[in-house]
């Protein structure tokens, strides 16, 4: 998890303010994208698409949207996130000063 964050930091540092981050929260499965047709079926609704210029804020907002879903919908995804230290990327980004974990959602 930390090496992925460090790679992302190198790219973010290089391009600086020329990056806009987009997270598409659609057809989310607990499986890795690499599993293709063998992936677990989708059980979550499609919360939406996020766009920010702050990588830490967009990651926090994305995870917060999953955690805000009703328990019966989010339980499988939350278990997968937490059992694989999925929140470590976010905390490490904060340690490395890769943005702010504060955001404001604006519906368009």
N, C-alpha and C. Protein backbone atom coordinates (compact mmCIF):
# COMPACT_ATOMS: atom_id res chain seq x y z
N UNK A 1 0.82 -1.19 0.00
CA UNK A 1 0.00 0.00 0.00
C UNK A 1 0.87 1.25 0.00
N UNK A 2 1.89 1.25 0.82
CA UNK A 2 2.74 2.45 0.92
C UNK A 2 3.52 2.70 -0.36
N UNK A 3 3.99 1.64 -1.02
CA UNK A 3 4.75 1.84 -2.27
C UNK A 3 3.85 2.44 -3.35
N UNK A 4 2.59 2.03 -3.40
CA UNK A 4 1.67 2.62 -4.39
C UNK A 4 1.49 4.10 -4.12
N UNK A 5 1.37 4.47 -2.85
CA UNK A 5 1.22 5.89 -2.49
C UNK A 5 2.48 6.65 -2.90
N UNK A 6 3.65 6.09 -2.65
CA UNK A 6 4.89 6.77 -2.99
C UNK A 6 5.01 6.98 -4.50
N UNK A 7 4.57 5.99 -5.29
CA UNK A 7 4.56 6.14 -6.74
C UNK A 7 3.62 7.25 -7.17
N UNK A 8 2.44 7.28 -6.56
CA UNK A 8 1.48 8.34 -6.85
C UNK A 8 2.00 9.71 -6.45
N UNK A 9 2.73 9.75 -5.34
CA UNK A 9 3.29 11.03 -4.88
C UNK A 9 4.31 11.56 -5.88
N UNK A 10 5.12 10.68 -6.42
CA UNK A 10 6.12 11.11 -7.41
C UNK A 10 5.44 11.73 -8.62
N UNK A 11 4.38 11.12 -9.08
CA UNK A 11 3.65 11.66 -10.23
C UNK A 11 2.98 12.98 -9.87
N UNK A 12 2.31 13.01 -8.70
CA UNK A 12 1.63 14.23 -8.27
C UNK A 12 2.62 15.37 -8.08
N UNK A 13 3.79 15.08 -7.51
CA UNK A 13 4.81 16.11 -7.32
C UNK A 13 5.32 16.63 -8.67
N UNK A 14 5.46 15.73 -9.63
CA UNK A 14 5.97 16.13 -10.95
C UNK A 14 4.98 17.04 -11.69
N UNK A 15 3.70 16.66 -11.69
CA UNK A 15 2.70 17.42 -12.45
C UNK A 15 2.05 18.54 -11.65
N UNK A 16 2.15 18.47 -10.34
CA UNK A 16 1.65 19.54 -9.49
C UNK A 16 0.19 19.88 -9.72
N UNK A 17 -0.08 21.14 -9.92
CA UNK A 17 -1.47 21.61 -10.05
C UNK A 17 -2.09 21.33 -11.42
N UNK A 18 -1.39 20.61 -12.26
CA UNK A 18 -1.90 20.30 -13.60
C UNK A 18 -2.72 19.00 -13.61
N UNK A 19 -3.04 18.47 -12.44
CA UNK A 19 -3.78 17.21 -12.35
C UNK A 19 -5.17 17.46 -11.77
N UNK A 20 -6.17 16.82 -12.39
CA UNK A 20 -7.50 16.73 -11.82
C UNK A 20 -7.79 15.25 -11.65
N UNK A 21 -8.22 14.87 -10.47
CA UNK A 21 -8.48 13.47 -10.15
C UNK A 21 -9.96 13.17 -10.34
N UNK A 22 -10.26 12.05 -10.97
CA UNK A 22 -11.63 11.60 -11.17
C UNK A 22 -11.78 10.20 -10.58
N UNK A 23 -12.77 10.01 -9.76
CA UNK A 23 -13.12 8.69 -9.25
C UNK A 23 -14.53 8.37 -9.70
N UNK A 24 -14.67 7.29 -10.43
CA UNK A 24 -15.97 6.86 -10.92
C UNK A 24 -16.44 5.72 -10.02
N UNK A 25 -17.42 5.99 -9.19
CA UNK A 25 -17.95 5.02 -8.25
C UNK A 25 -19.14 4.33 -8.90
N UNK A 26 -18.84 3.39 -9.77
CA UNK A 26 -19.87 2.73 -10.57
C UNK A 26 -19.51 1.26 -10.72
N UNK A 27 -20.50 0.41 -10.61
CA UNK A 27 -20.30 -1.04 -10.75
C UNK A 27 -19.16 -1.55 -9.87
N UNK A 28 -19.15 -1.10 -8.61
CA UNK A 28 -18.08 -1.48 -7.70
C UNK A 28 -18.31 -2.89 -7.16
N UNK A 29 -17.26 -3.67 -7.24
CA UNK A 29 -17.27 -5.04 -6.73
C UNK A 29 -16.15 -5.16 -5.71
N UNK A 30 -16.26 -6.13 -4.82
CA UNK A 30 -15.18 -6.34 -3.86
C UNK A 30 -13.96 -6.96 -4.53
N UNK A 31 -14.13 -7.44 -5.75
CA UNK A 31 -13.03 -8.09 -6.47
C UNK A 31 -12.15 -7.06 -7.17
N UNK A 32 -10.96 -7.48 -7.47
CA UNK A 32 -10.02 -6.67 -8.24
C UNK A 32 -10.50 -6.59 -9.69
N UNK A 33 -10.28 -5.46 -10.33
CA UNK A 33 -10.63 -5.33 -11.74
C UNK A 33 -9.95 -6.40 -12.59
N UNK A 34 -8.79 -6.85 -12.14
CA UNK A 34 -8.02 -7.82 -12.91
C UNK A 34 -8.71 -9.19 -12.99
N UNK A 35 -9.73 -9.44 -12.18
CA UNK A 35 -10.41 -10.73 -12.18
C UNK A 35 -11.39 -10.88 -13.33
N UNK A 36 -11.70 -9.79 -14.01
CA UNK A 36 -12.57 -9.84 -15.19
C UNK A 36 -13.88 -10.55 -14.95
N UNK A 37 -14.21 -11.55 -15.78
CA UNK A 37 -15.48 -12.26 -15.68
C UNK A 37 -15.58 -13.12 -14.42
N UNK A 38 -14.46 -13.35 -13.73
CA UNK A 38 -14.47 -14.15 -12.51
C UNK A 38 -14.68 -13.30 -11.26
N UNK A 39 -14.87 -12.01 -11.45
CA UNK A 39 -15.05 -11.10 -10.31
C UNK A 39 -16.37 -11.37 -9.61
N UNK A 40 -16.40 -11.04 -8.33
CA UNK A 40 -17.64 -11.13 -7.56
C UNK A 40 -18.67 -10.20 -8.20
N UNK A 41 -19.94 -10.54 -8.12
CA UNK A 41 -20.96 -9.65 -8.69
C UNK A 41 -21.03 -8.32 -7.94
N UNK A 42 -21.54 -7.33 -8.61
CA UNK A 42 -21.71 -5.99 -8.05
C UNK A 42 -22.90 -6.01 -7.09
N UNK A 43 -22.70 -5.49 -5.88
CA UNK A 43 -23.78 -5.42 -4.89
C UNK A 43 -24.07 -3.99 -4.44
N UNK A 44 -23.26 -3.05 -4.88
CA UNK A 44 -23.41 -1.67 -4.43
C UNK A 44 -24.13 -0.82 -5.46
N UNK A 45 -24.86 0.18 -5.01
CA UNK A 45 -25.43 1.14 -5.96
C UNK A 45 -24.30 1.99 -6.55
N UNK A 46 -24.62 2.82 -7.50
CA UNK A 46 -23.63 3.69 -8.12
C UNK A 46 -23.72 5.08 -7.48
N UNK A 47 -22.84 5.37 -6.50
CA UNK A 47 -22.92 6.67 -5.80
C UNK A 47 -22.65 7.87 -6.68
N UNK A 48 -21.83 7.72 -7.72
CA UNK A 48 -21.59 8.86 -8.60
C UNK A 48 -20.16 8.98 -9.06
N UNK A 49 -19.86 10.15 -9.58
CA UNK A 49 -18.52 10.46 -10.09
C UNK A 49 -18.01 11.66 -9.31
N UNK A 50 -16.78 11.57 -8.86
CA UNK A 50 -16.17 12.66 -8.11
C UNK A 50 -15.03 13.25 -8.92
N UNK A 51 -14.85 14.57 -8.82
CA UNK A 51 -13.74 15.26 -9.48
C UNK A 51 -13.18 16.28 -8.49
N UNK A 52 -11.90 16.18 -8.23
CA UNK A 52 -11.22 17.12 -7.33
C UNK A 52 -9.80 17.34 -7.81
N UNK A 53 -9.18 18.36 -7.30
CA UNK A 53 -7.77 18.60 -7.60
C UNK A 53 -6.88 18.16 -6.44
N UNK A 54 -7.46 17.51 -5.45
CA UNK A 54 -6.73 17.06 -4.27
C UNK A 54 -6.91 15.55 -4.14
N UNK A 55 -5.82 14.80 -4.29
CA UNK A 55 -5.90 13.34 -4.30
C UNK A 55 -6.36 12.77 -2.96
N UNK A 56 -5.93 13.34 -1.88
CA UNK A 56 -6.34 12.83 -0.57
C UNK A 56 -7.83 13.11 -0.33
N UNK A 57 -8.28 14.28 -0.69
CA UNK A 57 -9.69 14.62 -0.51
C UNK A 57 -10.60 13.71 -1.34
N UNK A 58 -10.21 13.42 -2.57
CA UNK A 58 -11.06 12.58 -3.41
C UNK A 58 -11.10 11.15 -2.89
N UNK A 59 -9.99 10.66 -2.38
CA UNK A 59 -9.98 9.31 -1.82
C UNK A 59 -10.84 9.24 -0.57
N UNK A 60 -10.75 10.25 0.29
CA UNK A 60 -11.56 10.26 1.51
C UNK A 60 -13.04 10.36 1.15
N UNK A 61 -13.37 11.23 0.21
CA UNK A 61 -14.76 11.40 -0.19
C UNK A 61 -15.32 10.09 -0.77
N UNK A 62 -14.52 9.40 -1.56
CA UNK A 62 -14.97 8.15 -2.17
C UNK A 62 -15.27 7.09 -1.11
N UNK A 63 -14.35 6.93 -0.18
CA UNK A 63 -14.55 5.95 0.88
C UNK A 63 -15.72 6.36 1.78
N UNK A 64 -15.81 7.65 2.07
CA UNK A 64 -16.92 8.13 2.90
C UNK A 64 -18.27 7.83 2.24
N UNK A 65 -18.34 7.92 0.91
CA UNK A 65 -19.59 7.63 0.22
C UNK A 65 -19.97 6.16 0.36
N UNK A 66 -18.98 5.28 0.34
CA UNK A 66 -19.25 3.86 0.55
C UNK A 66 -19.73 3.62 1.97
N UNK A 67 -19.04 4.20 2.95
CA UNK A 67 -19.41 4.01 4.35
C UNK A 67 -20.77 4.64 4.68
N UNK A 68 -21.22 5.59 3.88
CA UNK A 68 -22.51 6.24 4.13
C UNK A 68 -23.69 5.42 3.62
N UNK A 69 -23.42 4.39 2.84
CA UNK A 69 -24.49 3.53 2.34
C UNK A 69 -25.12 2.74 3.48
N UNK A 70 -26.35 2.30 3.33
CA UNK A 70 -26.97 1.47 4.36
C UNK A 70 -26.12 0.22 4.64
N UNK A 71 -26.12 -0.19 5.89
CA UNK A 71 -25.28 -1.32 6.35
C UNK A 71 -25.41 -2.55 5.46
N UNK A 72 -26.64 -2.93 5.11
CA UNK A 72 -26.82 -4.15 4.33
C UNK A 72 -26.21 -4.06 2.94
N UNK A 73 -26.06 -2.85 2.41
CA UNK A 73 -25.45 -2.68 1.10
C UNK A 73 -23.93 -2.60 1.16
N UNK A 74 -23.42 -1.96 2.18
CA UNK A 74 -21.98 -1.69 2.25
C UNK A 74 -21.17 -2.76 2.97
N UNK A 75 -21.80 -3.64 3.74
CA UNK A 75 -21.08 -4.55 4.64
C UNK A 75 -19.98 -5.35 3.95
N UNK A 76 -20.28 -5.92 2.79
CA UNK A 76 -19.31 -6.75 2.08
C UNK A 76 -18.10 -5.91 1.63
N UNK A 77 -18.35 -4.71 1.14
CA UNK A 77 -17.27 -3.84 0.67
C UNK A 77 -16.43 -3.33 1.85
N UNK A 78 -17.08 -2.93 2.92
CA UNK A 78 -16.36 -2.44 4.09
C UNK A 78 -15.48 -3.54 4.67
N UNK A 79 -16.00 -4.76 4.73
CA UNK A 79 -15.19 -5.88 5.23
C UNK A 79 -13.95 -6.06 4.37
N UNK A 80 -14.12 -5.96 3.06
CA UNK A 80 -12.99 -6.14 2.14
C UNK A 80 -11.97 -5.02 2.32
N UNK A 81 -12.43 -3.80 2.43
CA UNK A 81 -11.53 -2.65 2.62
C UNK A 81 -10.73 -2.83 3.90
N UNK A 82 -11.43 -3.10 4.99
CA UNK A 82 -10.77 -3.14 6.30
C UNK A 82 -9.91 -4.39 6.49
N UNK A 83 -10.29 -5.52 5.91
CA UNK A 83 -9.51 -6.75 6.08
C UNK A 83 -8.21 -6.73 5.28
N UNK A 84 -8.08 -5.80 4.35
CA UNK A 84 -6.88 -5.72 3.51
C UNK A 84 -6.14 -4.40 3.70
N UNK A 85 -6.32 -3.79 4.83
CA UNK A 85 -5.66 -2.52 5.16
C UNK A 85 -5.88 -1.46 4.10
N UNK A 86 -7.06 -1.43 3.53
CA UNK A 86 -7.37 -0.51 2.45
C UNK A 86 -7.33 0.96 2.84
N UNK A 87 -7.49 1.25 4.11
CA UNK A 87 -7.47 2.65 4.54
C UNK A 87 -6.04 3.15 4.77
N UNK A 88 -5.06 2.25 4.72
CA UNK A 88 -3.67 2.65 4.95
C UNK A 88 -3.18 3.62 3.87
N UNK A 89 -3.61 3.44 2.65
CA UNK A 89 -3.18 4.36 1.60
C UNK A 89 -3.53 5.80 1.97
N UNK A 90 -4.75 5.98 2.42
CA UNK A 90 -5.19 7.33 2.79
C UNK A 90 -4.39 7.90 3.94
N UNK A 91 -4.16 7.11 4.98
CA UNK A 91 -3.42 7.63 6.13
C UNK A 91 -1.97 7.94 5.75
N UNK A 92 -1.41 7.13 4.85
CA UNK A 92 -0.03 7.38 4.41
C UNK A 92 0.05 8.62 3.54
N UNK A 93 -0.95 8.84 2.70
CA UNK A 93 -1.00 10.07 1.90
C UNK A 93 -0.98 11.28 2.82
N UNK A 94 -1.75 11.20 3.90
CA UNK A 94 -1.79 12.31 4.85
C UNK A 94 -0.43 12.49 5.52
N UNK A 95 0.22 11.40 5.90
CA UNK A 95 1.56 11.47 6.50
C UNK A 95 2.55 12.14 5.56
N UNK A 96 2.43 11.87 4.27
CA UNK A 96 3.35 12.42 3.28
C UNK A 96 2.96 13.83 2.81
N UNK A 97 1.87 14.36 3.35
CA UNK A 97 1.45 15.71 2.99
C UNK A 97 0.89 15.82 1.58
N UNK A 98 0.18 14.79 1.15
CA UNK A 98 -0.33 14.76 -0.22
C UNK A 98 -1.71 15.40 -0.36
N UNK A 99 -2.01 16.36 0.42
CA UNK A 99 -3.28 17.04 0.30
C UNK A 99 -4.00 17.13 1.62
N UNK A 100 -5.28 17.45 1.53
CA UNK A 100 -6.11 17.64 2.71
C UNK A 100 -7.21 16.59 2.71
N UNK A 101 -7.62 16.15 3.88
CA UNK A 101 -8.74 15.21 3.93
C UNK A 101 -10.07 15.92 4.14
N UNK A 102 -10.07 17.23 3.92
CA UNK A 102 -11.29 18.03 4.02
C UNK A 102 -11.84 18.25 2.60
N UNK A 103 -13.15 18.14 2.46
CA UNK A 103 -13.77 18.34 1.15
C UNK A 103 -15.21 18.79 1.35
N UNK A 104 -15.78 19.30 0.28
CA UNK A 104 -17.19 19.66 0.28
C UNK A 104 -17.80 19.06 -0.98
N UNK A 105 -18.83 18.23 -0.82
CA UNK A 105 -19.50 17.64 -1.97
C UNK A 105 -20.49 18.65 -2.55
N UNK A 106 -20.40 18.84 -3.85
CA UNK A 106 -21.33 19.72 -4.57
C UNK A 106 -21.97 18.89 -5.65
N UNK A 107 -23.28 18.70 -5.56
CA UNK A 107 -24.01 17.91 -6.57
C UNK A 107 -24.26 18.77 -7.79
N UNK A 108 -23.98 18.19 -8.95
CA UNK A 108 -24.27 18.88 -10.22
C UNK A 108 -25.16 18.03 -11.08
